[in-house]
Amino acid sequence: MRVVLFCHSLLSDWNHGNAHFLRGIVTELCEQGHDVSVYEPLDAWSLQNLLAEPRGLVALDGVRSVYPWVRPHRYTLDTLNLERTVDGADLVIVHEWSTPELVRRLGELRAKGGRFRLLFHDTHHRSATAPKAMARYALEHYDGVLAFGEVIRQFYVARGWARNAWTWHEAADVRVFRPMPTMEQEEDLVWIGNWGDEERTAELHEFLLRPVKALGLRAKVHGVRYPDTALEALARAGITYEGWLPNYEVPEAFAQAKVTVHVPRRPYVQALPGIPTIRPFEALACGIPLVSAPWWDAEGLFKPGRDFLVAQTGAEMQRLLRMLLADEAMRREIADRGRRTVLARHTCAHRVSELMIICRELGLDTRATAALSQERVSA
């Protein structure tokens, strides 16, 4: 198949977790022989922030090295010839960080007789927390929506936003996210994430800062958008703040710590059960034991208590961290279980297989482009 993907950015993951999964999907599609073209705005906000980092240019080179199939075309919407861009495409996927104008114009092309199938990809909580904003997207001519959780899929169906919708969870790119057993574990705990627009401030204090301080752990935090109050709180807890980390370097950071935690943002706990976001997939793929703040795995993606531990309170988080850090065999057992579950069910290869099933439902021939080319030569 020829696939065209419109997204905010694959070059940058600065405060942009969607890049993690989509890089893996593009890589998997290309390695299976499909022809994939990626388009991202020239002025992508995430990329501009990445380039402002001291290591920005080096990180950009790193992305191109780690993800050789990821070669986005950078565009401005006023000069992009959309009709030419999607000419010959079998499948066009538009991520929800795209502008409403781009979404509308692609829908109009589909309505005018475009032979491609057109899907909208939603990986955010706005469908639940800001439905009026999501209703601005004109999806009446789209063939359907890829929703990264069942509850979001149901929103699209119940509100009549789309004719079809499928649940398509994020997953780990296990080519990049894997254990590094030769690394020395210099830290007790590492946490990788952004402070988060007040969506989990209280939770970070309860499930990360206070347990680390009470246990006197050697701990590091990586992320961006930390206000001065957050940096001061980290310092009081004895946590070293390391700033932004390119996502392809995350496996190395996990390998240098004995344990990590997951602190979901409030909208995912209260309004979107069953959606873990990308970080737990990546952590478990790296083989690091994980303790999560409360999160309801409504869709049975994992086996909480076996693949990872769950703390209902800050006091329980402190107890579980103490227990894990004192028992290497337990850490190894939980880490192994979590990784096995990811490898069995939650890799980018699994998600591409699911995407192929959806495409066949839409009447597409999902054979690899390379195979089709060879068939034409043989004929």
Protein backbone atom coordinates (compact mmCIF):
# COMPACT_ATOMS: atom_id res chain seq x y z
CA MET A 1 0.00 0.00 0.00
CA ARG A 2 0.93 3.62 -0.38
CA VAL A 3 0.27 5.41 2.92
CA VAL A 4 0.33 9.16 3.58
CA LEU A 5 0.48 10.37 7.18
CA PHE A 6 -0.19 13.93 8.33
CA CYS A 7 0.95 14.68 11.87
CA HIS A 8 2.34 17.45 14.05
CA SER A 9 5.90 16.12 14.02
CA LEU A 10 7.91 12.92 13.88
CA LEU A 11 11.21 14.78 13.99
CA SER A 12 10.48 16.07 17.50
CA ASP A 13 9.13 14.43 20.64
CA TRP A 14 9.57 17.57 22.78
CA ASN A 15 6.36 17.54 24.88
CA HIS A 16 4.92 15.47 22.05
CA GLY A 17 4.36 11.87 23.01
CA ASN A 18 2.44 11.09 19.82
CA ALA A 19 5.73 11.02 17.94
CA HIS A 20 6.82 7.93 19.92
CA PHE A 21 4.16 5.60 18.60
CA LEU A 22 3.92 7.04 15.10
CA ARG A 23 7.68 6.70 14.52
CA GLY A 24 7.33 3.02 15.34
CA ILE A 25 4.30 2.60 13.08
CA VAL A 26 6.02 4.30 10.14
CA THR A 27 9.10 2.14 10.66
CA GLU A 28 7.06 -1.06 10.83
CA LEU A 29 5.05 -0.22 7.72
CA CYS A 30 8.19 0.59 5.75
CA GLU A 31 10.00 -2.56 6.86
CA GLN A 32 6.99 -4.61 5.78
CA GLY A 33 7.37 -3.13 2.30
CA HIS A 34 4.73 -0.39 2.30
CA ASP A 35 5.41 3.04 0.81
CA VAL A 36 4.94 5.67 3.53
CA SER A 37 5.14 9.45 3.17
CA VAL A 38 4.96 11.69 6.25
CA TYR A 39 3.99 15.36 6.25
CA GLU A 40 4.48 17.72 9.18
CA PRO A 41 4.15 21.53 9.39
CA LEU A 42 7.26 23.57 8.79
CA ASP A 43 6.58 25.57 11.95
CA ALA A 44 5.67 22.63 14.20
CA TRP A 45 5.62 23.91 17.78
CA SER A 46 7.31 20.82 19.19
CA LEU A 47 10.19 21.01 16.71
CA GLN A 48 10.76 24.69 17.42
CA ASN A 49 11.10 23.89 21.13
CA LEU A 50 13.43 20.98 20.41
CA LEU A 51 15.72 23.23 18.37
CA ALA A 52 15.82 25.69 21.27
CA GLU A 53 17.30 22.99 23.54
CA PRO A 54 21.11 23.02 23.96
CA ARG A 55 21.23 19.51 22.46
CA GLY A 56 18.49 20.12 19.92
CA LEU A 57 20.47 19.74 16.70
CA VAL A 58 22.32 16.70 18.05
CA ALA A 59 19.01 15.11 19.05
CA LEU A 60 17.59 15.79 15.61
CA ASP A 61 20.53 13.96 14.05
CA GLY A 62 19.91 11.16 16.53
CA VAL A 63 16.29 10.79 15.44
CA ARG A 64 17.38 10.49 11.82
CA SER A 65 19.91 7.83 12.79
CA VAL A 66 17.66 5.75 15.06
CA TYR A 67 14.66 6.03 12.71
CA PRO A 68 16.12 5.87 9.18
CA TRP A 69 12.65 5.38 7.64
CA VAL A 70 11.34 8.59 9.22
CA ARG A 71 11.95 11.31 6.63
CA PRO A 72 9.07 13.79 6.92
CA HIS A 73 8.22 16.37 4.30
CA ARG A 74 7.85 19.75 6.01
CA TYR A 75 5.13 21.93 4.56
CA THR A 76 3.14 25.12 4.88
CA LEU A 77 -0.56 24.63 4.35
CA ASP A 78 -0.94 27.62 2.05
CA THR A 79 1.62 26.23 -0.42
CA LEU A 80 1.00 22.48 -0.11
CA ASN A 81 -0.71 20.94 -3.13
CA LEU A 82 -2.91 18.47 -1.27
CA GLU A 83 -4.35 16.88 -4.39
CA ARG A 84 -0.88 16.05 -5.68
CA THR A 85 0.27 14.93 -2.22
CA VAL A 86 -2.42 12.26 -1.88
CA ASP A 87 -2.43 11.27 -5.56
CA GLY A 88 -1.91 7.52 -5.77
CA ALA A 89 -2.34 6.99 -2.03
CA ASP A 90 -4.31 4.01 -0.78
CA LEU A 91 -4.58 5.19 2.81
CA VAL A 92 -4.34 8.68 4.31
CA ILE A 93 -4.11 9.06 8.11
CA VAL A 94 -4.53 12.47 9.73
CA HIS A 95 -3.48 12.88 13.34
CA GLU A 96 -5.65 15.01 15.61
CA TRP A 97 -2.85 17.55 16.26
CA SER A 98 -3.43 18.66 12.66
CA THR A 99 -5.27 21.91 11.97
CA PRO A 100 -9.03 21.85 11.40
CA GLU A 101 -8.41 23.41 7.97
CA LEU A 102 -6.16 20.53 6.87
CA VAL A 103 -8.68 18.02 8.21
CA ARG A 104 -11.50 19.73 6.31
CA ARG A 105 -9.63 20.03 3.02
CA LEU A 106 -8.62 16.37 3.02
CA GLY A 107 -12.22 15.40 3.68
CA GLU A 108 -13.33 17.50 0.73
CA LEU A 109 -10.83 15.71 -1.52
CA ARG A 110 -12.21 12.37 -0.39
CA ALA A 111 -15.77 13.56 -1.06
CA LYS A 112 -14.82 14.67 -4.58
CA GLY A 113 -14.00 11.11 -5.53
CA GLY A 114 -10.61 10.50 -3.96
CA ARG A 115 -9.85 6.78 -4.28
CA PHE A 116 -7.89 6.70 -1.02
CA ARG A 117 -9.35 5.74 2.34
CA LEU A 118 -9.19 8.54 4.91
CA LEU A 119 -8.81 7.98 8.67
CA PHE A 120 -8.58 10.42 11.59
CA HIS A 121 -6.25 9.37 14.42
CA ASP A 122 -7.16 10.58 17.93
CA THR A 123 -4.66 10.11 20.77
CA HIS A 124 -5.78 12.80 23.22
CA HIS A 125 -8.32 13.31 25.97
CA ARG A 126 -10.01 16.31 24.33
CA SER A 127 -12.92 14.24 23.05
CA ALA A 128 -13.88 13.82 26.71
CA THR A 129 -12.61 17.06 28.24
CA ALA A 130 -13.17 19.52 25.37
CA PRO A 131 -15.89 18.09 23.11
CA LYS A 132 -16.72 21.47 21.57
CA ALA A 133 -13.14 21.81 20.37
CA MET A 134 -13.20 18.34 18.82
CA ALA A 135 -16.55 18.99 17.17
CA ARG A 136 -14.81 21.64 15.02
CA TYR A 137 -13.13 18.88 13.03
CA ALA A 138 -15.12 18.14 9.89
CA LEU A 139 -15.06 14.34 9.66
CA GLU A 140 -18.24 13.70 7.69
CA HIS A 141 -16.27 12.59 4.62
CA TYR A 142 -13.76 10.46 6.55
CA ASP A 143 -13.97 6.70 6.39
CA GLY A 144 -13.47 6.46 10.12
CA VAL A 145 -11.51 7.22 13.27
CA LEU A 146 -8.64 5.39 14.91
CA ALA A 147 -9.17 6.01 18.64
CA PHE A 148 -6.50 5.11 21.16
CA GLY A 149 -9.03 3.74 23.62
CA GLU A 150 -12.48 2.16 23.61
CA VAL A 151 -14.07 5.01 25.57
CA ILE A 152 -12.90 7.52 22.92
CA ARG A 153 -14.19 5.27 20.15
CA GLN A 154 -17.57 5.30 21.85
CA PHE A 155 -17.57 9.12 22.03
CA TYR A 156 -17.17 9.36 18.26
CA VAL A 157 -19.95 6.88 17.62
CA ALA A 158 -22.41 8.21 20.22
CA ARG A 159 -21.96 11.85 19.21
CA GLY A 160 -22.17 11.13 15.52
CA TRP A 161 -18.75 12.62 14.81
CA ALA A 162 -17.70 9.77 12.50
CA ARG A 163 -19.32 7.04 10.42
CA ASN A 164 -16.93 4.36 11.75
CA ALA A 165 -14.49 4.17 14.63
CA TRP A 166 -12.00 1.54 15.76
CA THR A 167 -10.02 1.17 18.97
CA TRP A 168 -6.30 1.36 18.13
CA HIS A 169 -4.16 1.56 21.24
CA GLU A 170 -0.65 2.91 21.25
CA ALA A 171 2.20 0.41 21.69
CA ALA A 172 5.96 0.10 22.11
CA ASP A 173 8.49 0.24 19.32
CA VAL A 174 10.52 -2.70 20.58
CA ARG A 175 13.31 -2.06 18.09
CA VAL A 176 14.21 0.94 20.25
CA PHE A 177 12.62 0.17 23.61
CA ARG A 178 14.39 -2.89 24.95
CA PRO A 179 16.43 -3.91 28.01
CA MET A 180 20.08 -2.89 28.29
CA PRO A 181 21.35 -5.35 30.90
CA THR A 182 24.98 -4.25 30.70
CA MET A 183 24.20 -0.75 32.03
CA GLU A 184 25.03 -0.08 35.68
CA GLN A 185 22.01 0.78 37.84
CA GLU A 186 23.18 4.04 39.38
CA GLU A 187 19.74 5.21 40.54
CA ASP A 188 17.01 3.69 42.65
CA LEU A 189 14.25 5.35 40.65
CA VAL A 190 13.81 7.30 37.43
CA TRP A 191 10.68 9.07 36.27
CA ILE A 192 10.28 10.41 32.74
CA GLY A 193 7.46 12.80 32.04
CA ASN A 194 6.37 16.41 31.83
CA TRP A 195 4.90 18.28 34.77
CA GLY A 196 1.62 18.49 32.91
CA ASP A 197 -0.44 21.68 32.92
CA GLU A 198 -1.76 21.10 36.47
CA GLU A 199 -3.36 17.83 35.31
CA ARG A 200 -1.41 15.76 37.84
CA THR A 201 0.41 18.16 40.19
CA ALA A 202 -1.17 16.77 43.36
CA GLU A 203 -0.65 13.21 42.12
CA LEU A 204 3.05 13.80 41.44
CA HIS A 205 3.51 15.05 44.97
CA GLU A 206 1.63 12.10 46.44
CA PHE A 207 2.98 9.25 44.31
CA LEU A 208 6.48 10.45 43.40
CA LEU A 209 7.95 13.28 45.44
CA ARG A 210 6.80 12.28 48.93
CA PRO A 211 7.65 8.55 48.63
CA VAL A 212 11.11 9.35 47.22
CA LYS A 213 11.79 11.82 50.04
CA ALA A 214 10.47 9.51 52.76
CA LEU A 215 12.59 6.59 51.53
CA GLY A 216 15.68 8.71 50.83
CA LEU A 217 15.99 7.30 47.32
CA ARG A 218 18.50 8.21 44.64
CA ALA A 219 16.12 9.49 42.02
CA LYS A 220 16.17 11.37 38.73
CA VAL A 221 13.44 13.05 36.73
CA HIS A 222 13.50 13.92 33.02
CA GLY A 223 10.98 16.16 31.29
CA VAL A 224 10.00 19.66 30.24
CA ARG A 225 7.61 22.44 31.23
CA TYR A 226 8.55 22.33 34.90
CA PRO A 227 7.69 25.65 36.59
CA ASP A 228 9.94 27.03 39.29
CA THR A 229 7.60 25.71 41.98
CA ALA A 230 7.99 22.19 40.57
CA LEU A 231 11.78 22.46 40.43
CA GLU A 232 11.85 23.66 44.03
CA ALA A 233 9.62 20.75 45.08
CA LEU A 234 11.92 18.26 43.33
CA ALA A 235 14.94 19.74 45.11
CA ARG A 236 13.22 19.51 48.50
CA ALA A 237 12.46 15.85 47.81
CA GLY A 238 16.11 15.18 46.96
CA ILE A 239 15.32 14.41 43.31
CA THR A 240 17.78 15.38 40.59
CA TYR A 241 16.13 17.16 37.67
CA GLU A 242 17.83 16.33 34.37
CA GLY A 243 15.66 18.33 31.95
CA TRP A 244 14.61 17.21 28.51
CA LEU A 245 15.62 13.79 27.22
CA PRO A 246 15.25 12.67 23.59
CA ASN A 247 12.87 9.75 23.62
CA TYR A 248 15.27 7.39 21.86
CA GLU A 249 17.57 7.79 24.90
CA VAL A 250 14.85 6.72 27.35
CA PRO A 251 15.84 3.00 27.30
CA GLU A 252 19.29 3.97 28.56
CA ALA A 253 17.77 6.06 31.36
CA PHE A 254 15.51 3.16 32.38
CA ALA A 255 18.48 0.77 32.34
CA GLN A 256 20.32 2.93 34.88
CA ALA A 257 17.53 2.68 37.49
CA LYS A 258 16.04 -0.14 39.51
CA VAL A 259 12.41 0.95 39.26
CA THR A 260 10.11 3.52 37.68
CA VAL A 261 6.61 4.80 38.38
CA HIS A 262 3.61 5.76 36.28
CA VAL A 263 1.56 8.78 37.34
CA PRO A 264 -1.33 9.17 34.87
CA ARG A 265 -2.87 12.56 34.20
CA ARG A 266 -6.21 13.14 35.89
CA PRO A 267 -8.36 13.05 32.70
CA TYR A 268 -7.18 9.51 31.94
CA VAL A 269 -8.04 8.35 35.45
CA GLN A 270 -11.42 10.07 35.73
CA ALA A 271 -12.81 10.18 32.20
CA LEU A 272 -10.83 7.73 30.08
CA PRO A 273 -10.38 4.39 31.85
CA GLY A 274 -8.51 1.80 29.85
CA ILE A 275 -6.02 4.22 28.26
CA PRO A 276 -2.55 3.99 29.82
CA THR A 277 -0.79 6.41 27.39
CA ILE A 278 2.53 5.48 25.81
CA ARG A 279 4.92 5.56 28.79
CA PRO A 280 3.91 2.27 30.48
CA PHE A 281 4.21 0.40 27.16
CA GLU A 282 7.74 1.76 26.69
CA ALA A 283 8.82 1.17 30.29
CA LEU A 284 7.62 -2.43 30.32
CA ALA A 285 9.27 -3.04 26.95
CA CYS A 286 12.55 -1.88 28.49
CA GLY A 287 12.27 -4.45 31.25
CA ILE A 288 12.13 -2.09 34.23
CA PRO A 289 9.72 -2.87 37.10
CA LEU A 290 6.94 -0.31 37.27
CA VAL A 291 4.64 0.85 40.06
CA SER A 292 1.58 2.78 38.92
CA ALA A 293 -0.60 5.30 40.69
CA PRO A 294 -4.30 4.35 40.46
CA TRP A 295 -5.35 3.50 36.93
CA TRP A 296 -8.20 1.24 35.83
CA ASP A 297 -7.17 -1.12 33.06
CA ALA A 298 -10.75 -1.33 31.79
CA GLU A 299 -9.78 -3.03 28.53
CA GLY A 300 -7.57 -5.74 30.02
CA LEU A 301 -4.39 -4.68 28.25
CA PHE A 302 -2.22 -5.93 31.11
CA LYS A 303 -2.47 -7.90 34.33
CA PRO A 304 -2.09 -5.28 37.08
CA GLY A 305 -0.38 -6.81 40.09
CA ARG A 306 1.63 -9.11 37.82
CA ASP A 307 2.90 -7.06 34.88
CA PHE A 308 3.27 -4.04 37.17
CA LEU A 309 2.23 -3.10 40.69
CA VAL A 310 -0.51 -0.60 41.55
CA ALA A 311 -0.48 1.78 44.51
CA GLN A 312 -3.83 3.21 45.53
CA THR A 313 -2.32 5.77 47.92
CA GLY A 314 0.96 7.54 48.44
CA ALA A 315 1.58 5.41 51.52
CA GLU A 316 1.11 2.26 49.47
CA MET A 317 3.46 3.61 46.79
CA GLN A 318 6.09 4.08 49.48
CA ARG A 319 5.56 0.53 50.76
CA LEU A 320 5.73 -1.05 47.29
CA LEU A 321 8.85 0.87 46.33
CA ARG A 322 10.56 -0.16 49.56
CA MET A 323 9.59 -3.79 48.94
CA LEU A 324 10.80 -3.80 45.33
CA LEU A 325 14.08 -2.07 46.04
CA ALA A 326 14.86 -4.61 48.75
CA ASP A 327 14.14 -7.64 46.55
CA GLU A 328 16.08 -8.02 43.31
CA ALA A 329 14.37 -11.30 42.43
CA MET A 330 10.94 -9.68 42.71
CA ARG A 331 12.06 -6.79 40.52
CA ARG A 332 13.31 -9.19 37.89
CA GLU A 333 10.12 -11.29 37.99
CA ILE A 334 7.78 -8.30 37.57
CA ALA A 335 9.95 -6.76 34.86
CA ASP A 336 10.04 -10.04 32.93
CA ARG A 337 6.26 -10.46 33.13
CA GLY A 338 5.62 -6.93 31.93
CA ARG A 339 8.01 -7.27 29.01
CA ARG A 340 6.54 -10.61 27.97
CA THR A 341 3.07 -9.07 27.86
CA VAL A 342 4.28 -6.21 25.67
CA LEU A 343 6.06 -8.58 23.30
CA ALA A 344 2.99 -10.80 23.09
CA ARG A 345 0.36 -8.10 22.55
CA HIS A 346 1.54 -4.51 22.46
CA THR A 347 4.24 -3.83 19.87
CA CYS A 348 4.04 -1.59 16.83
CA ALA A 349 4.00 -4.77 14.73
CA HIS A 350 0.78 -5.80 16.50
CA ARG A 351 -0.78 -2.41 15.79
CA VAL A 352 0.18 -2.53 12.12
CA SER A 353 -1.50 -5.93 11.90
CA GLU A 354 -4.63 -4.40 13.44
CA LEU A 355 -4.44 -1.52 10.98
CA MET A 356 -4.26 -3.97 8.08
CA ILE A 357 -7.48 -5.62 9.27
CA ILE A 358 -9.20 -2.22 9.35
CA CYS A 359 -7.91 -1.43 5.87
CA ARG A 360 -9.26 -4.69 4.50
CA GLU A 361 -12.65 -3.86 6.06
CA LEU A 362 -12.48 -0.64 4.03
CA GLY A 363 -11.81 -2.58 0.84
CA LEU A 364 -8.09 -1.92 0.49
CA ASP A 365 -5.54 -4.34 -0.89
CA THR A 366 -3.04 -4.47 1.98
CA ARG A 367 -0.23 -6.27 0.22
CA ALA A 368 3.13 -4.56 0.50
CA THR A 369 4.01 -2.11 -2.24
CA ALA A 370 7.20 -4.06 -2.97
CA ALA A 371 5.19 -7.24 -3.51
CA LEU A 372 2.76 -5.47 -5.82
CA SER A 373 5.63 -4.02 -7.84
CA GLN A 374 7.18 -7.46 -8.24
CA GLU A 375 3.81 -8.85 -9.35
CA ARG A 376 3.57 -6.21 -12.07
CA VAL A 377 7.11 -7.03 -13.25
CA SER A 378 6.31 -10.75 -13.36
CA ALA A 379 3.13 -10.07 -15.32
